[in-house]
């Protein structure tokens, strides 16, 4: 598992598209990222802070947060003694039974469910605790059991959303899902071509959108415009070269796609808070 640009990759093993992490780290921080997997966060003990799409969310003990695939999120918690569980899984695994087209539009937004929201909260908590127990024991056929509980969870959340979403807003939700599917092609194009002189028009064409529509949906989903995302992605690649290669700062700048040393230095300092030469020297 690693973050490239903002895209978290290699979350799952080849065998089973599911991951569970029991986290008790006191100073738990993790950079802002996104992934195509759905994520459930259950705060078992103490409070926990998370940033989702540039908005801070303070979770209370017992809260459950459903993080939609494609939503950017990160963690920054200092001196926080507690316990939280992260559960990640792919909704594409449910395509075989034809339910994914029904579920997808209803789980396209991050949702916080507190202990006061009954009966949904209790139903969700029962299945989450059951998943944790089954995963830890890993009895024969536990993957089938986990899959069944994930179906239950998606059904519960879908019902929860249906009770709260106005009918006229559901079309917008479907459009967001379609946009996420299309943007996956845009991210792939950026990852493959970031070192070249690529433009908004190039990426929009690769994603199958008009330039105007792509610019709008890209900002809606990533919370930043294309130019900023591309610069930050290039800076992320530059970090690797600065730490792991003997290349000069100038060579690295051109290697990651900047056509000006001045622009590279300015962009790097904006993102990292120091110049690339200082970053290289102290090996942050």
C-alpha atoms as a PDB file:
ATOM      1  CA  UNK A   1       0.000   0.000   0.000  1.00  0.00           C
ATOM      2  CA  UNK A   2       1.358   3.424  -0.986  1.00  0.00           C
ATOM      3  CA  UNK A   3       0.181   6.892  -2.008  1.00  0.00           C
ATOM      4  CA  UNK A   4       1.178   8.156  -5.453  1.00  0.00           C
ATOM      5  CA  UNK A   5       0.082  11.709  -6.002  1.00  0.00           C
ATOM      6  CA  UNK A   6      -3.161  11.514  -4.042  1.00  0.00           C
ATOM      7  CA  UNK A   7      -4.038   8.016  -5.200  1.00  0.00           C
ATOM      8  CA  UNK A   8      -3.625   5.241  -2.603  1.00  0.00           C
ATOM      9  CA  UNK A   9      -2.747   1.988  -4.353  1.00  0.00           C
ATOM     10  CA  UNK A  10      -2.160  -1.700  -3.599  1.00  0.00           C
ATOM     11  CA  UNK A  11      -4.657  -1.733  -0.737  1.00  0.00           C
ATOM     12  CA  UNK A  12      -5.702  -5.343  -1.147  1.00  0.00           C
ATOM     13  CA  UNK A  13      -4.082  -8.697  -1.634  1.00  0.00           C
ATOM     14  CA  UNK A  14      -4.772 -10.433  -4.928  1.00  0.00           C
ATOM     15  CA  UNK A  15      -6.906 -13.098  -3.257  1.00  0.00           C
ATOM     16  CA  UNK A  16      -9.566 -11.012  -1.527  1.00  0.00           C
ATOM     17  CA  UNK A  17     -10.520  -7.308  -2.024  1.00  0.00           C
ATOM     18  CA  UNK A  18     -10.907  -6.602   1.692  1.00  0.00           C
ATOM     19  CA  UNK A  19      -8.709  -4.954   4.316  1.00  0.00           C
ATOM     20  CA  UNK A  20      -9.172  -4.410   8.040  1.00  0.00           C
ATOM     21  CA  UNK A  21      -6.845  -2.412  10.278  1.00  0.00           C
ATOM     22  CA  UNK A  22      -7.082  -2.261  14.073  1.00  0.00           C
ATOM     23  CA  UNK A  23      -5.432   1.090  14.835  1.00  0.00           C
ATOM     24  CA  UNK A  24      -4.328   2.243  18.297  1.00  0.00           C
ATOM     25  CA  UNK A  25      -1.482   4.534  17.238  1.00  0.00           C
ATOM     26  CA  UNK A  26      -1.260   7.599  19.489  1.00  0.00           C
ATOM     27  CA  UNK A  27       0.082  10.086  16.949  1.00  0.00           C
ATOM     28  CA  UNK A  28      -1.726   8.792  13.892  1.00  0.00           C
ATOM     29  CA  UNK A  29      -1.304  10.905  10.781  1.00  0.00           C
ATOM     30  CA  UNK A  30      -1.767   9.915   7.158  1.00  0.00           C
ATOM     31  CA  UNK A  31      -1.635  12.180   4.098  1.00  0.00           C
ATOM     32  CA  UNK A  32      -4.716  13.193   2.159  1.00  0.00           C
ATOM     33  CA  UNK A  33      -5.488  10.529  -0.435  1.00  0.00           C
ATOM     34  CA  UNK A  34      -8.285   8.834  -2.347  1.00  0.00           C
ATOM     35  CA  UNK A  35      -8.929   5.290  -3.541  1.00  0.00           C
ATOM     36  CA  UNK A  36     -11.634   3.467  -5.507  1.00  0.00           C
ATOM     37  CA  UNK A  37     -12.448   1.328  -2.473  1.00  0.00           C
ATOM     38  CA  UNK A  38     -15.184   2.112   0.029  1.00  0.00           C
ATOM     39  CA  UNK A  39     -13.991   2.663   3.604  1.00  0.00           C
ATOM     40  CA  UNK A  40     -15.734   2.274   6.961  1.00  0.00           C
ATOM     41  CA  UNK A  41     -14.236   3.912  10.032  1.00  0.00           C
ATOM     42  CA  UNK A  42     -15.503   2.793  13.439  1.00  0.00           C
ATOM     43  CA  UNK A  43     -14.221   4.757  16.441  1.00  0.00           C
ATOM     44  CA  UNK A  44     -14.321   2.280  19.316  1.00  0.00           C
ATOM     45  CA  UNK A  45     -12.561   4.401  21.926  1.00  0.00           C
ATOM     46  CA  UNK A  46     -11.975   8.139  22.340  1.00  0.00           C
ATOM     47  CA  UNK A  47     -12.446  10.820  19.677  1.00  0.00           C
ATOM     48  CA  UNK A  48     -10.827  10.968  16.249  1.00  0.00           C
ATOM     49  CA  UNK A  49     -10.337  13.693  13.630  1.00  0.00           C
ATOM     50  CA  UNK A  50     -10.444  13.256   9.871  1.00  0.00           C
ATOM     51  CA  UNK A  51     -10.407  15.586   6.880  1.00  0.00           C
ATOM     52  CA  UNK A  52     -12.782  14.631   4.048  1.00  0.00           C
ATOM     53  CA  UNK A  53     -12.853  16.717   0.857  1.00  0.00           C
ATOM     54  CA  UNK A  54     -11.116  19.583   2.700  1.00  0.00           C
ATOM     55  CA  UNK A  55     -13.675  19.585   5.532  1.00  0.00           C
ATOM     56  CA  UNK A  56     -12.740  18.691   9.112  1.00  0.00           C
ATOM     57  CA  UNK A  57     -14.880  16.054  10.815  1.00  0.00           C
ATOM     58  CA  UNK A  58     -14.563  15.431  14.562  1.00  0.00           C
ATOM     59  CA  UNK A  59     -15.764  11.921  15.344  1.00  0.00           C
ATOM     60  CA  UNK A  60     -17.000  11.027  18.812  1.00  0.00           C
ATOM     61  CA  UNK A  61     -16.467   7.698  20.527  1.00  0.00           C
ATOM     62  CA  UNK A  62     -18.704   5.104  18.880  1.00  0.00           C
ATOM     63  CA  UNK A  63     -19.231   7.084  15.666  1.00  0.00           C
ATOM     64  CA  UNK A  64     -19.230   5.295  12.316  1.00  0.00           C
ATOM     65  CA  UNK A  65     -18.018   7.086   9.197  1.00  0.00           C
ATOM     66  CA  UNK A  66     -18.789   5.724   5.741  1.00  0.00           C
ATOM     67  CA  UNK A  67     -16.200   7.151   3.304  1.00  0.00           C
ATOM     68  CA  UNK A  68     -17.356   7.007  -0.309  1.00  0.00           C
ATOM     69  CA  UNK A  69     -14.953   5.801  -2.970  1.00  0.00           C
ATOM     70  CA  UNK A  70     -13.182   8.716  -4.608  1.00  0.00           C
ATOM     71  CA  UNK A  71     -13.576  11.114  -1.675  1.00  0.00           C
ATOM     72  CA  UNK A  72     -10.237  12.553  -0.570  1.00  0.00           C
ATOM     73  CA  UNK A  73      -9.461  12.039   3.111  1.00  0.00           C
ATOM     74  CA  UNK A  74      -6.570  12.182   5.539  1.00  0.00           C
ATOM     75  CA  UNK A  75      -5.817  11.942   9.255  1.00  0.00           C
ATOM     76  CA  UNK A  76      -3.908  14.171  11.660  1.00  0.00           C
ATOM     77  CA  UNK A  77      -4.251  13.252  15.338  1.00  0.00           C
ATOM     78  CA  UNK A  78      -1.760  14.184  18.043  1.00  0.00           C
ATOM     79  CA  UNK A  79      -1.669  12.731  21.576  1.00  0.00           C
ATOM     80  CA  UNK A  80      -4.828  10.814  20.829  1.00  0.00           C
ATOM     81  CA  UNK A  81      -5.063   7.611  22.858  1.00  0.00           C
ATOM     82  CA  UNK A  82      -7.805   5.497  21.396  1.00  0.00           C
ATOM     83  CA  UNK A  83      -8.808   2.672  19.153  1.00  0.00           C
ATOM     84  CA  UNK A  84     -10.386   2.767  15.717  1.00  0.00           C
ATOM     85  CA  UNK A  85     -11.053   0.206  13.001  1.00  0.00           C
ATOM     86  CA  UNK A  86     -10.628   0.836   9.278  1.00  0.00           C
ATOM     87  CA  UNK A  87     -12.495  -1.491   6.919  1.00  0.00           C
ATOM     88  CA  UNK A  88     -11.938  -1.174   3.169  1.00  0.00           C
ATOM     89  CA  UNK A  89     -13.608  -3.122   0.373  1.00  0.00           C
ATOM     90  CA  UNK A  90     -14.487  -2.941  -3.311  1.00  0.00           C
ATOM     91  CA  UNK A  91     -18.122  -2.504  -4.310  1.00  0.00           C
ATOM     92  CA  UNK A  92     -17.308  -3.968  -7.732  1.00  0.00           C
ATOM     93  CA  UNK A  93     -17.302  -7.369  -6.034  1.00  0.00           C
ATOM     94  CA  UNK A  94     -21.093  -7.137  -5.869  1.00  0.00           C
ATOM     95  CA  UNK A  95     -21.609  -6.739  -9.617  1.00  0.00           C
ATOM     96  CA  UNK A  96     -22.281 -10.437 -10.093  1.00  0.00           C
ATOM     97  CA  UNK A  97     -25.646 -10.301  -8.353  1.00  0.00           C
ATOM     98  CA  UNK A  98     -26.711  -7.145 -10.165  1.00  0.00           C
ATOM     99  CA  UNK A  99     -27.093  -5.000  -7.054  1.00  0.00           C
ATOM    100  CA  UNK A 100     -24.229  -2.621  -7.705  1.00  0.00           C
ATOM    101  CA  UNK A 101     -26.203  -0.401 -10.064  1.00  0.00           C
ATOM    102  CA  UNK A 102     -28.837   0.024  -7.359  1.00  0.00           C
ATOM    103  CA  UNK A 103     -26.407   0.582  -4.488  1.00  0.00           C
ATOM    104  CA  UNK A 104     -23.866   2.838  -6.179  1.00  0.00           C
ATOM    105  CA  UNK A 105     -25.956   6.014  -6.413  1.00  0.00           C
ATOM    106  CA  UNK A 106     -26.844   5.724  -2.735  1.00  0.00           C
ATOM    107  CA  UNK A 107     -23.298   5.383  -1.422  1.00  0.00           C
ATOM    108  CA  UNK A 108     -21.635   8.154  -3.397  1.00  0.00           C
ATOM    109  CA  UNK A 109     -21.186  10.521  -0.431  1.00  0.00           C
ATOM    110  CA  UNK A 110     -19.330  10.274   2.854  1.00  0.00           C
ATOM    111  CA  UNK A 111     -21.793   9.767   5.717  1.00  0.00           C
ATOM    112  CA  UNK A 112     -21.363  10.085   9.484  1.00  0.00           C
ATOM    113  CA  UNK A 113     -23.658   7.913  11.604  1.00  0.00           C
ATOM    114  CA  UNK A 114     -23.682   8.649  15.336  1.00  0.00           C
ATOM    115  CA  UNK A 115     -24.995   6.598  18.237  1.00  0.00           C
ATOM    116  CA  UNK A 116     -28.141   8.747  18.335  1.00  0.00           C
ATOM    117  CA  UNK A 117     -29.250   7.699  14.853  1.00  0.00           C
ATOM    118  CA  UNK A 118     -31.339   4.656  15.596  1.00  0.00           C
ATOM    119  CA  UNK A 119     -32.077   2.002  14.474  1.00  0.00           C
ATOM    120  CA  UNK A 120     -29.458   2.331  11.708  1.00  0.00           C
ATOM    121  CA  UNK A 121     -26.552   2.804  14.089  1.00  0.00           C
ATOM    122  CA  UNK A 122     -27.184  -0.359  16.094  1.00  0.00           C
ATOM    123  CA  UNK A 123     -27.718  -2.428  12.938  1.00  0.00           C
ATOM    124  CA  UNK A 124     -24.443  -1.175  11.459  1.00  0.00           C
ATOM    125  CA  UNK A 125     -22.460  -1.677  14.646  1.00  0.00           C
ATOM    126  CA  UNK A 126     -23.602  -5.290  14.984  1.00  0.00           C
ATOM    127  CA  UNK A 127     -22.334  -6.112  11.481  1.00  0.00           C
ATOM    128  CA  UNK A 128     -19.078  -4.194  11.922  1.00  0.00           C
ATOM    129  CA  UNK A 129     -18.256  -6.004  15.167  1.00  0.00           C
ATOM    130  CA  UNK A 130     -19.191  -9.297  13.514  1.00  0.00           C
ATOM    131  CA  UNK A 131     -16.791  -8.546  10.649  1.00  0.00           C
ATOM    132  CA  UNK A 132     -13.974  -7.709  13.054  1.00  0.00           C
ATOM    133  CA  UNK A 133     -14.514 -10.921  15.027  1.00  0.00           C
ATOM    134  CA  UNK A 134     -14.734 -13.116  11.924  1.00  0.00           C
ATOM    135  CA  UNK A 135     -11.665 -11.535  10.317  1.00  0.00           C
ATOM    136  CA  UNK A 136      -9.576 -12.031  13.451  1.00  0.00           C
ATOM    137  CA  UNK A 137     -10.603 -15.686  13.807  1.00  0.00           C
ATOM    138  CA  UNK A 138     -10.312 -16.489  10.074  1.00  0.00           C
ATOM    139  CA  UNK A 139     -12.326 -19.674  10.333  1.00  0.00           C
ATOM    140  CA  UNK A 140     -12.952 -21.776   7.239  1.00  0.00           C
ATOM    141  CA  UNK A 141     -14.984 -19.812   4.677  1.00  0.00           C
ATOM    142  CA  UNK A 142     -14.656 -16.524   6.560  1.00  0.00           C
ATOM    143  CA  UNK A 143     -14.425 -14.603   3.248  1.00  0.00           C
ATOM    144  CA  UNK A 144     -17.994 -15.662   2.408  1.00  0.00           C
ATOM    145  CA  UNK A 145     -19.154 -14.507   5.822  1.00  0.00           C
ATOM    146  CA  UNK A 146     -17.432 -11.141   5.381  1.00  0.00           C
ATOM    147  CA  UNK A 147     -18.974 -10.673   1.935  1.00  0.00           C
ATOM    148  CA  UNK A 148     -22.440 -11.361   3.356  1.00  0.00           C
ATOM    149  CA  UNK A 149     -21.956  -8.829   6.153  1.00  0.00           C
ATOM    150  CA  UNK A 150     -20.725  -6.212   3.670  1.00  0.00           C
ATOM    151  CA  UNK A 151     -23.901  -6.742   1.649  1.00  0.00           C
ATOM    152  CA  UNK A 152     -25.873  -6.169   4.843  1.00  0.00           C
ATOM    153  CA  UNK A 153     -23.940  -2.980   5.591  1.00  0.00           C
ATOM    154  CA  UNK A 154     -24.475  -1.555   2.097  1.00  0.00           C
ATOM    155  CA  UNK A 155     -28.187  -2.333   2.317  1.00  0.00           C
ATOM    156  CA  UNK A 156     -28.449  -0.609   5.715  1.00  0.00           C
ATOM    157  CA  UNK A 157     -26.606   2.483   4.505  1.00  0.00           C
ATOM    158  CA  UNK A 158     -28.699   2.580   1.329  1.00  0.00           C
ATOM    159  CA  UNK A 159     -31.887   2.553   3.419  1.00  0.00           C
ATOM    160  CA  UNK A 160     -30.385   5.203   5.696  1.00  0.00           C
ATOM    161  CA  UNK A 161     -29.689   7.455   2.706  1.00  0.00           C
ATOM    162  CA  UNK A 162     -33.059   6.793   1.066  1.00  0.00           C
ATOM    163  CA  UNK A 163     -34.791   8.108   4.165  1.00  0.00           C
ATOM    164  CA  UNK A 164     -32.834  11.358   3.929  1.00  0.00           C
ATOM    165  CA  UNK A 165     -32.174  12.076   0.244  1.00  0.00           C
ATOM    166  CA  UNK A 166     -34.746  14.086  -1.665  1.00  0.00           C
ATOM    167  CA  UNK A 167     -35.854  12.393  -4.892  1.00  0.00           C
ATOM    168  CA  UNK A 168     -34.736  15.348  -7.022  1.00  0.00           C
ATOM    169  CA  UNK A 169     -31.148  14.986  -5.745  1.00  0.00           C
ATOM    170  CA  UNK A 170     -30.710  11.347  -6.795  1.00  0.00           C
ATOM    171  CA  UNK A 171     -29.984  12.235 -10.422  1.00  0.00           C
ATOM    172  CA  UNK A 172     -27.049  14.379  -9.257  1.00  0.00           C
ATOM    173  CA  UNK A 173     -25.779  11.448  -7.202  1.00  0.00           C
ATOM    174  CA  UNK A 174     -25.820   9.159 -10.229  1.00  0.00           C
ATOM    175  CA  UNK A 175     -23.915  11.774 -12.226  1.00  0.00           C
ATOM    176  CA  UNK A 176     -21.245  11.932  -9.535  1.00  0.00           C
ATOM    177  CA  UNK A 177     -20.719   8.176  -9.707  1.00  0.00           C
ATOM    178  CA  UNK A 178     -20.432   8.317 -13.480  1.00  0.00           C
ATOM    179  CA  UNK A 179     -17.924  11.124 -13.073  1.00  0.00           C
ATOM    180  CA  UNK A 180     -15.826   9.071 -10.671  1.00  0.00           C
ATOM    181  CA  UNK A 181     -15.713   6.188 -13.131  1.00  0.00           C
ATOM    182  CA  UNK A 182     -14.585   8.542 -15.889  1.00  0.00           C
ATOM    183  CA  UNK A 183     -12.042  10.316 -13.693  1.00  0.00           C
ATOM    184  CA  UNK A 184     -10.239   7.045 -13.088  1.00  0.00           C
ATOM    185  CA  UNK A 185      -9.107   7.295 -16.707  1.00  0.00           C
ATOM    186  CA  UNK A 186      -7.933  10.856 -16.099  1.00  0.00           C
ATOM    187  CA  UNK A 187      -5.832   9.815 -13.087  1.00  0.00           C
ATOM    188  CA  UNK A 188      -4.278   6.982 -15.094  1.00  0.00           C
ATOM    189  CA  UNK A 189      -3.415   9.413 -17.878  1.00  0.00           C
ATOM    190  CA  UNK A 190      -1.787  11.836 -15.428  1.00  0.00           C
ATOM    191  CA  UNK A 191       0.234   9.064 -13.776  1.00  0.00           C
ATOM    192  CA  UNK A 192       1.525   7.917 -17.167  1.00  0.00           C
ATOM    193  CA  UNK A 193       2.164  11.338 -18.717  1.00  0.00           C
ATOM    194  CA  UNK A 194       2.897  13.752 -15.856  1.00  0.00           C
ATOM    195  CA  UNK A 195       6.488  14.209 -17.054  1.00  0.00           C
ATOM    196  CA  UNK A 196       5.288  15.545 -20.408  1.00  0.00           C
ATOM    197  CA  UNK A 197       3.783  18.904 -21.312  1.00  0.00           C
ATOM    198  CA  UNK A 198       0.162  17.846 -20.801  1.00  0.00           C
ATOM    199  CA  UNK A 199      -2.786  20.206 -20.664  1.00  0.00           C
ATOM    200  CA  UNK A 200      -6.282  20.201 -19.266  1.00  0.00           C
ATOM    201  CA  UNK A 201      -7.535  19.531 -22.799  1.00  0.00           C
ATOM    202  CA  UNK A 202      -5.287  16.449 -23.125  1.00  0.00           C
ATOM    203  CA  UNK A 203      -6.555  14.888 -19.904  1.00  0.00           C
ATOM    204  CA  UNK A 204     -10.170  15.799 -20.630  1.00  0.00           C
ATOM    205  CA  UNK A 205      -9.918  14.060 -23.985  1.00  0.00           C
ATOM    206  CA  UNK A 206      -8.387  10.958 -22.370  1.00  0.00           C
ATOM    207  CA  UNK A 207     -11.258  10.874 -19.855  1.00  0.00           C
ATOM    208  CA  UNK A 208     -13.888  11.341 -22.570  1.00  0.00           C
ATOM    209  CA  UNK A 209     -15.149  14.737 -21.421  1.00  0.00           C
ATOM    210  CA  UNK A 210     -15.357  18.180 -22.919  1.00  0.00           C
ATOM    211  CA  UNK A 211     -12.714  20.475 -21.460  1.00  0.00           C
ATOM    212  CA  UNK A 212     -15.277  22.675 -19.703  1.00  0.00           C
ATOM    213  CA  UNK A 213     -17.198  19.802 -18.116  1.00  0.00           C
ATOM    214  CA  UNK A 214     -14.026  17.953 -17.136  1.00  0.00           C
ATOM    215  CA  UNK A 215     -12.631  21.043 -15.399  1.00  0.00           C
ATOM    216  CA  UNK A 216     -15.812  21.404 -13.389  1.00  0.00           C
ATOM    217  CA  UNK A 217     -16.223  17.753 -12.358  1.00  0.00           C
ATOM    218  CA  UNK A 218     -12.499  17.364 -11.604  1.00  0.00           C
ATOM    219  CA  UNK A 219     -12.664  20.255  -9.135  1.00  0.00           C
ATOM    220  CA  UNK A 220     -15.914  18.994  -7.627  1.00  0.00           C
ATOM    221  CA  UNK A 221     -14.412  15.590  -6.861  1.00  0.00           C
ATOM    222  CA  UNK A 222     -10.766  16.419  -5.999  1.00  0.00           C
ATOM    223  CA  UNK A 223     -11.494  19.813  -4.378  1.00  0.00           C
ATOM    224  CA  UNK A 224      -8.733  21.374  -6.491  1.00  0.00           C
ATOM    225  CA  UNK A 225      -8.289  22.436 -10.095  1.00  0.00           C
ATOM    226  CA  UNK A 226      -6.358  20.381 -12.627  1.00  0.00           C
ATOM    227  CA  UNK A 227      -3.282  22.620 -12.616  1.00  0.00           C
ATOM    228  CA  UNK A 228      -2.875  22.378  -8.851  1.00  0.00           C
ATOM    229  CA  UNK A 229      -3.398  18.613  -8.838  1.00  0.00           C
ATOM    230  CA  UNK A 230      -0.816  18.129 -11.607  1.00  0.00           C
ATOM    231  CA  UNK A 231       1.737  20.333  -9.827  1.00  0.00           C
ATOM    232  CA  UNK A 232       1.262  18.447  -6.554  1.00  0.00           C
ATOM    233  CA  UNK A 233       1.580  15.122  -8.342  1.00  0.00           C
ATOM    234  CA  UNK A 234       4.835  16.247  -9.987  1.00  0.00           C
ATOM    235  CA  UNK A 235       6.175  17.477  -6.645  1.00  0.00           C
ATOM    236  CA  UNK A 236       5.394  14.066  -5.150  1.00  0.00           C
ATOM    237  CA  UNK A 237       7.470  12.403  -7.864  1.00  0.00           C
ATOM    238  CA  UNK A 238      10.243  14.957  -7.326  1.00  0.00           C
ATOM    239  CA  UNK A 239      10.407  14.029  -3.634  1.00  0.00           C
ATOM    240  CA  UNK A 240      11.332  10.479  -4.609  1.00  0.00           C
ATOM    241  CA  UNK A 241      14.142  11.637  -6.908  1.00  0.00           C
ATOM    242  CA  UNK A 242      15.486  14.132  -4.355  1.00  0.00           C
ATOM    243  CA  UNK A 243      15.797  11.462  -1.683  1.00  0.00           C
ATOM    244  CA  UNK A 244      16.699   8.394  -3.749  1.00  0.00           C
ATOM    245  CA  UNK A 245      18.826   9.644  -6.634  1.00  0.00           C
ATOM    246  CA  UNK A 246      21.987  11.609  -7.214  1.00  0.00           C
ATOM    247  CA  UNK A 247      20.320  13.820  -9.812  1.00  0.00           C
ATOM    248  CA  UNK A 248      20.668  17.580  -9.616  1.00  0.00           C
ATOM    249  CA  UNK A 249      17.668  19.702  -8.685  1.00  0.00           C
ATOM    250  CA  UNK A 250      17.546  21.064 -12.243  1.00  0.00           C
ATOM    251  CA  UNK A 251      17.523  17.586 -13.783  1.00  0.00           C
ATOM    252  CA  UNK A 252      14.781  16.467 -11.403  1.00  0.00           C
ATOM    253  CA  UNK A 253      12.680  19.512 -12.263  1.00  0.00           C
ATOM    254  CA  UNK A 254      12.746  18.686 -15.957  1.00  0.00           C
ATOM    255  CA  UNK A 255      12.324  14.955 -15.331  1.00  0.00           C
ATOM    256  CA  UNK A 256       9.020  15.448 -13.488  1.00  0.00           C
ATOM    257  CA  UNK A 257       7.619  17.837 -16.082  1.00  0.00           C
ATOM    258  CA  UNK A 258       8.527  21.379 -15.050  1.00  0.00           C
ATOM    259  CA  UNK A 259       9.926  23.529 -17.860  1.00  0.00           C
ATOM    260  CA  UNK A 260      11.387  26.159 -15.527  1.00  0.00           C
ATOM    261  CA  UNK A 261      13.626  25.853 -12.470  1.00  0.00           C
ATOM    262  CA  UNK A 262      12.042  28.985 -11.025  1.00  0.00           C
ATOM    263  CA  UNK A 263       8.553  27.498 -11.347  1.00  0.00           C
ATOM    264  CA  UNK A 264       9.712  24.201  -9.858  1.00  0.00           C
ATOM    265  CA  UNK A 265      11.332  25.896  -6.850  1.00  0.00           C
ATOM    266  CA  UNK A 266       8.275  28.060  -6.233  1.00  0.00           C
ATOM    267  CA  UNK A 267       5.836  25.168  -6.575  1.00  0.00           C
ATOM    268  CA  UNK A 268       7.931  22.875  -4.387  1.00  0.00           C
ATOM    269  CA  UNK A 269       8.164  25.459  -1.604  1.00  0.00           C
ATOM    270  CA  UNK A 270       4.406  26.080  -1.769  1.00  0.00           C
ATOM    271  CA  UNK A 271       3.646  22.369  -1.349  1.00  0.00           C
ATOM    272  CA  UNK A 272       6.449  21.264   0.989  1.00  0.00           C
ATOM    273  CA  UNK A 273       7.326  24.472   2.844  1.00  0.00           C
ATOM    274  CA  UNK A 274      10.991  24.465   1.838  1.00  0.00           C
ATOM    275  CA  UNK A 275      13.098  24.593  -1.300  1.00  0.00           C
ATOM    276  CA  UNK A 276      13.965  21.353  -3.141  1.00  0.00           C
ATOM    277  CA  UNK A 277      17.670  21.864  -2.409  1.00  0.00           C
ATOM    278  CA  UNK A 278      17.016  22.032   1.351  1.00  0.00           C
ATOM    279  CA  UNK A 279      14.659  19.048   1.121  1.00  0.00           C
ATOM    280  CA  UNK A 280      17.390  17.075  -0.661  1.00  0.00           C
ATOM    281  CA  UNK A 281      20.029  18.120   1.873  1.00  0.00           C
ATOM    282  CA  UNK A 282      18.153  17.227   5.053  1.00  0.00           C
ATOM    283  CA  UNK A 283      16.333  14.244   3.558  1.00  0.00           C
ATOM    284  CA  UNK A 284      12.892  14.964   4.987  1.00  0.00           C
END
